[in-house]
């Protein structure tokens, strides 16, 4: 996982089933709404510049009649 506290070069990671289970249970205990449908596409990108700086993006596309209606990008950089 990359976010403001864990950069693309130093992502948050879990090791083993026990750590993964603890993380998933903590997230699932939150009051969240998840949306899944046939009219959505998502993908991630990881880029490394010649300087070694890394960038990670998560892309979310909403589709309508086979066309992109909205494209949302969440981006984080090494800082």
N, C-alpha and C. Protein backbone atom coordinates (compact mmCIF):
# COMPACT_ATOMS: atom_id res chain seq x y z
N UNK A 1 0.84 -1.17 0.00
CA UNK A 1 0.00 0.00 0.00
C UNK A 1 0.89 1.23 0.00
N UNK A 2 0.53 2.20 -0.82
CA UNK A 2 1.23 3.47 -0.81
C UNK A 2 0.24 4.57 -0.47
N UNK A 3 0.70 5.54 0.33
CA UNK A 3 -0.13 6.67 0.72
C UNK A 3 0.79 7.78 1.22
N UNK A 4 0.23 8.79 1.89
CA UNK A 4 1.05 9.91 2.33
C UNK A 4 2.10 9.50 3.37
N UNK A 5 1.88 8.38 4.04
CA UNK A 5 2.82 7.93 5.07
C UNK A 5 3.78 6.85 4.58
N UNK A 6 3.44 6.18 3.50
CA UNK A 6 4.28 5.12 2.97
C UNK A 6 4.47 5.36 1.48
N UNK A 7 5.65 5.78 1.08
CA UNK A 7 5.94 6.19 -0.30
C UNK A 7 6.07 4.97 -1.21
N UNK A 8 6.07 5.19 -2.53
CA UNK A 8 6.23 4.08 -3.46
C UNK A 8 7.53 3.29 -3.24
N UNK A 9 8.59 3.95 -2.77
CA UNK A 9 9.84 3.23 -2.51
C UNK A 9 9.81 2.46 -1.19
N UNK A 10 8.89 2.83 -0.30
CA UNK A 10 8.77 2.17 1.01
C UNK A 10 7.30 1.88 1.32
N UNK A 11 6.66 1.02 0.51
CA UNK A 11 5.23 0.76 0.70
C UNK A 11 4.95 -0.03 1.99
N UNK A 12 3.72 0.11 2.48
CA UNK A 12 3.26 -0.70 3.60
C UNK A 12 3.11 -2.13 3.09
N UNK A 13 3.61 -3.08 3.83
CA UNK A 13 3.52 -4.48 3.42
C UNK A 13 3.15 -5.33 4.62
N UNK A 14 2.44 -6.42 4.33
CA UNK A 14 2.18 -7.42 5.36
C UNK A 14 2.99 -8.66 5.01
N UNK A 15 3.34 -9.42 6.03
CA UNK A 15 4.10 -10.65 5.83
C UNK A 15 3.34 -11.79 6.49
N UNK A 16 2.93 -12.75 5.71
CA UNK A 16 2.26 -13.93 6.24
C UNK A 16 0.76 -13.72 6.42
N UNK A 17 0.08 -14.85 6.58
CA UNK A 17 -1.38 -14.85 6.70
C UNK A 17 -1.87 -14.12 7.94
N UNK A 18 -1.17 -14.24 9.03
CA UNK A 18 -1.61 -13.61 10.28
C UNK A 18 -1.66 -12.09 10.15
N UNK A 19 -0.60 -11.48 9.61
CA UNK A 19 -0.58 -10.03 9.43
C UNK A 19 -1.63 -9.59 8.42
N UNK A 20 -1.78 -10.37 7.33
CA UNK A 20 -2.78 -10.04 6.33
C UNK A 20 -4.19 -10.13 6.91
N UNK A 21 -4.45 -11.16 7.67
CA UNK A 21 -5.77 -11.32 8.30
C UNK A 21 -6.06 -10.15 9.25
N UNK A 22 -5.08 -9.78 10.05
CA UNK A 22 -5.26 -8.65 10.98
C UNK A 22 -5.59 -7.39 10.21
N UNK A 23 -4.88 -7.12 9.12
CA UNK A 23 -5.11 -5.92 8.33
C UNK A 23 -6.51 -5.96 7.70
N UNK A 24 -6.87 -7.06 7.08
CA UNK A 24 -8.18 -7.16 6.41
C UNK A 24 -9.32 -7.03 7.42
N UNK A 25 -9.19 -7.66 8.58
CA UNK A 25 -10.24 -7.54 9.60
C UNK A 25 -10.39 -6.09 10.07
N UNK A 26 -9.27 -5.39 10.24
CA UNK A 26 -9.32 -3.99 10.68
C UNK A 26 -10.01 -3.13 9.64
N UNK A 27 -9.71 -3.33 8.37
CA UNK A 27 -10.34 -2.55 7.31
C UNK A 27 -11.83 -2.89 7.21
N UNK A 28 -12.16 -4.17 7.27
CA UNK A 28 -13.56 -4.59 7.12
C UNK A 28 -14.42 -4.17 8.31
N UNK A 29 -13.82 -3.89 9.45
CA UNK A 29 -14.58 -3.43 10.61
C UNK A 29 -14.96 -1.96 10.50
N UNK A 30 -14.42 -1.25 9.53
CA UNK A 30 -14.76 0.16 9.33
C UNK A 30 -16.13 0.29 8.68
N UNK A 31 -16.77 1.42 8.88
CA UNK A 31 -18.06 1.70 8.27
C UNK A 31 -17.83 2.25 6.87
N UNK A 32 -17.68 1.34 5.89
CA UNK A 32 -17.36 1.71 4.52
C UNK A 32 -18.41 1.18 3.55
N UNK A 33 -18.51 1.81 2.39
CA UNK A 33 -19.34 1.32 1.30
C UNK A 33 -18.44 1.01 0.12
N UNK A 34 -18.56 -0.20 -0.41
CA UNK A 34 -17.77 -0.62 -1.57
C UNK A 34 -18.71 -0.76 -2.76
N UNK A 35 -18.29 -0.23 -3.92
CA UNK A 35 -19.11 -0.28 -5.12
C UNK A 35 -18.39 -1.10 -6.18
N UNK A 36 -19.08 -2.12 -6.71
CA UNK A 36 -18.53 -2.97 -7.76
C UNK A 36 -19.59 -3.09 -8.84
N UNK A 37 -19.20 -3.02 -10.09
CA UNK A 37 -20.18 -3.14 -11.17
C UNK A 37 -19.52 -3.42 -12.50
N UNK A 38 -20.36 -3.74 -13.49
CA UNK A 38 -19.87 -4.04 -14.83
C UNK A 38 -19.45 -2.79 -15.59
N UNK A 39 -19.77 -1.62 -15.04
CA UNK A 39 -19.49 -0.38 -15.73
C UNK A 39 -18.29 0.35 -15.13
N UNK A 40 -17.35 -0.44 -14.55
CA UNK A 40 -16.17 0.14 -13.93
C UNK A 40 -14.93 -0.63 -14.34
N UNK A 41 -13.82 0.10 -14.44
CA UNK A 41 -12.51 -0.48 -14.73
C UNK A 41 -11.52 0.16 -13.79
N UNK A 42 -10.57 -0.61 -13.30
CA UNK A 42 -9.51 -0.03 -12.48
C UNK A 42 -8.19 -0.70 -12.82
N UNK A 43 -7.10 0.06 -12.66
CA UNK A 43 -5.77 -0.47 -12.88
C UNK A 43 -4.76 0.41 -12.15
N UNK A 44 -3.57 -0.12 -11.94
CA UNK A 44 -2.51 0.64 -11.28
C UNK A 44 -1.32 0.78 -12.22
N UNK A 45 -0.52 1.81 -11.93
CA UNK A 45 0.72 2.04 -12.68
C UNK A 45 1.84 2.34 -11.68
N UNK A 46 3.01 1.85 -11.96
CA UNK A 46 4.20 2.20 -11.19
C UNK A 46 5.26 2.69 -12.16
N UNK A 47 5.79 3.87 -11.91
CA UNK A 47 6.80 4.47 -12.79
C UNK A 47 8.05 4.79 -11.98
N UNK A 48 9.20 4.64 -12.61
CA UNK A 48 10.46 5.03 -11.99
C UNK A 48 11.17 5.99 -12.94
N UNK A 49 11.49 7.18 -12.43
CA UNK A 49 12.22 8.17 -13.21
C UNK A 49 13.71 7.81 -13.24
N UNK A 50 14.48 8.34 -14.20
CA UNK A 50 15.91 8.07 -14.26
C UNK A 50 16.65 8.42 -12.96
N UNK A 51 16.09 9.35 -12.17
CA UNK A 51 16.70 9.73 -10.89
C UNK A 51 16.46 8.69 -9.80
N UNK A 52 15.57 7.70 -10.09
CA UNK A 52 15.23 6.68 -9.10
C UNK A 52 13.94 6.99 -8.37
N UNK A 53 13.42 8.21 -8.50
CA UNK A 53 12.16 8.58 -7.86
C UNK A 53 11.02 7.75 -8.45
N UNK A 54 10.13 7.25 -7.56
CA UNK A 54 9.03 6.41 -8.01
C UNK A 54 7.70 7.13 -7.84
N UNK A 55 6.76 6.77 -8.73
CA UNK A 55 5.40 7.30 -8.71
C UNK A 55 4.46 6.11 -8.83
N UNK A 56 3.39 6.12 -8.05
CA UNK A 56 2.38 5.07 -8.11
C UNK A 56 1.03 5.72 -8.34
N UNK A 57 0.23 5.19 -9.28
CA UNK A 57 -1.10 5.70 -9.51
C UNK A 57 -2.11 4.56 -9.50
N UNK A 58 -3.30 4.86 -8.99
CA UNK A 58 -4.45 3.96 -9.07
C UNK A 58 -5.48 4.69 -9.94
N UNK A 59 -5.95 4.03 -10.96
CA UNK A 59 -6.86 4.63 -11.94
C UNK A 59 -8.21 3.95 -11.86
N UNK A 60 -9.27 4.75 -11.88
CA UNK A 60 -10.64 4.24 -11.80
C UNK A 60 -11.44 4.88 -12.92
N UNK A 61 -12.05 4.06 -13.76
CA UNK A 61 -12.83 4.56 -14.88
C UNK A 61 -14.28 4.12 -14.73
N UNK A 62 -15.20 5.08 -14.87
CA UNK A 62 -16.63 4.81 -14.92
C UNK A 62 -17.01 4.81 -16.39
N UNK A 63 -17.70 3.76 -16.83
CA UNK A 63 -18.07 3.60 -18.22
C UNK A 63 -19.57 3.79 -18.41
N UNK A 64 -19.93 4.31 -19.58
CA UNK A 64 -21.34 4.44 -19.95
C UNK A 64 -21.44 4.14 -21.44
N UNK A 65 -22.22 3.13 -21.79
CA UNK A 65 -22.36 2.71 -23.20
C UNK A 65 -21.01 2.42 -23.84
N UNK A 66 -20.10 1.83 -23.08
CA UNK A 66 -18.80 1.46 -23.60
C UNK A 66 -17.79 2.60 -23.70
N UNK A 67 -18.18 3.79 -23.28
CA UNK A 67 -17.29 4.95 -23.33
C UNK A 67 -16.91 5.39 -21.92
N UNK A 68 -15.75 6.02 -21.78
CA UNK A 68 -15.32 6.52 -20.48
C UNK A 68 -16.13 7.76 -20.13
N UNK A 69 -16.85 7.65 -19.03
CA UNK A 69 -17.66 8.78 -18.53
C UNK A 69 -16.83 9.64 -17.58
N UNK A 70 -16.02 8.99 -16.74
CA UNK A 70 -15.17 9.69 -15.78
C UNK A 70 -13.93 8.86 -15.52
N UNK A 71 -12.79 9.54 -15.38
CA UNK A 71 -11.52 8.88 -15.07
C UNK A 71 -10.93 9.57 -13.85
N UNK A 72 -10.79 8.83 -12.77
CA UNK A 72 -10.23 9.36 -11.52
C UNK A 72 -8.87 8.72 -11.28
N UNK A 73 -7.89 9.55 -10.93
CA UNK A 73 -6.53 9.06 -10.68
C UNK A 73 -6.11 9.46 -9.28
N UNK A 74 -5.61 8.50 -8.52
CA UNK A 74 -5.00 8.77 -7.22
C UNK A 74 -3.51 8.52 -7.42
N UNK A 75 -2.71 9.53 -7.08
CA UNK A 75 -1.27 9.49 -7.39
C UNK A 75 -0.46 9.82 -6.15
N UNK A 76 0.63 9.09 -5.96
CA UNK A 76 1.55 9.40 -4.88
C UNK A 76 2.98 9.27 -5.39
N UNK A 77 3.83 10.16 -4.90
CA UNK A 77 5.23 10.25 -5.31
C UNK A 77 6.15 10.04 -4.12
N UNK A 78 7.37 9.60 -4.41
CA UNK A 78 8.40 9.64 -3.38
C UNK A 78 8.68 11.11 -3.06
N UNK A 79 8.82 11.42 -1.81
CA UNK A 79 9.13 12.81 -1.42
C UNK A 79 10.26 12.82 -0.43
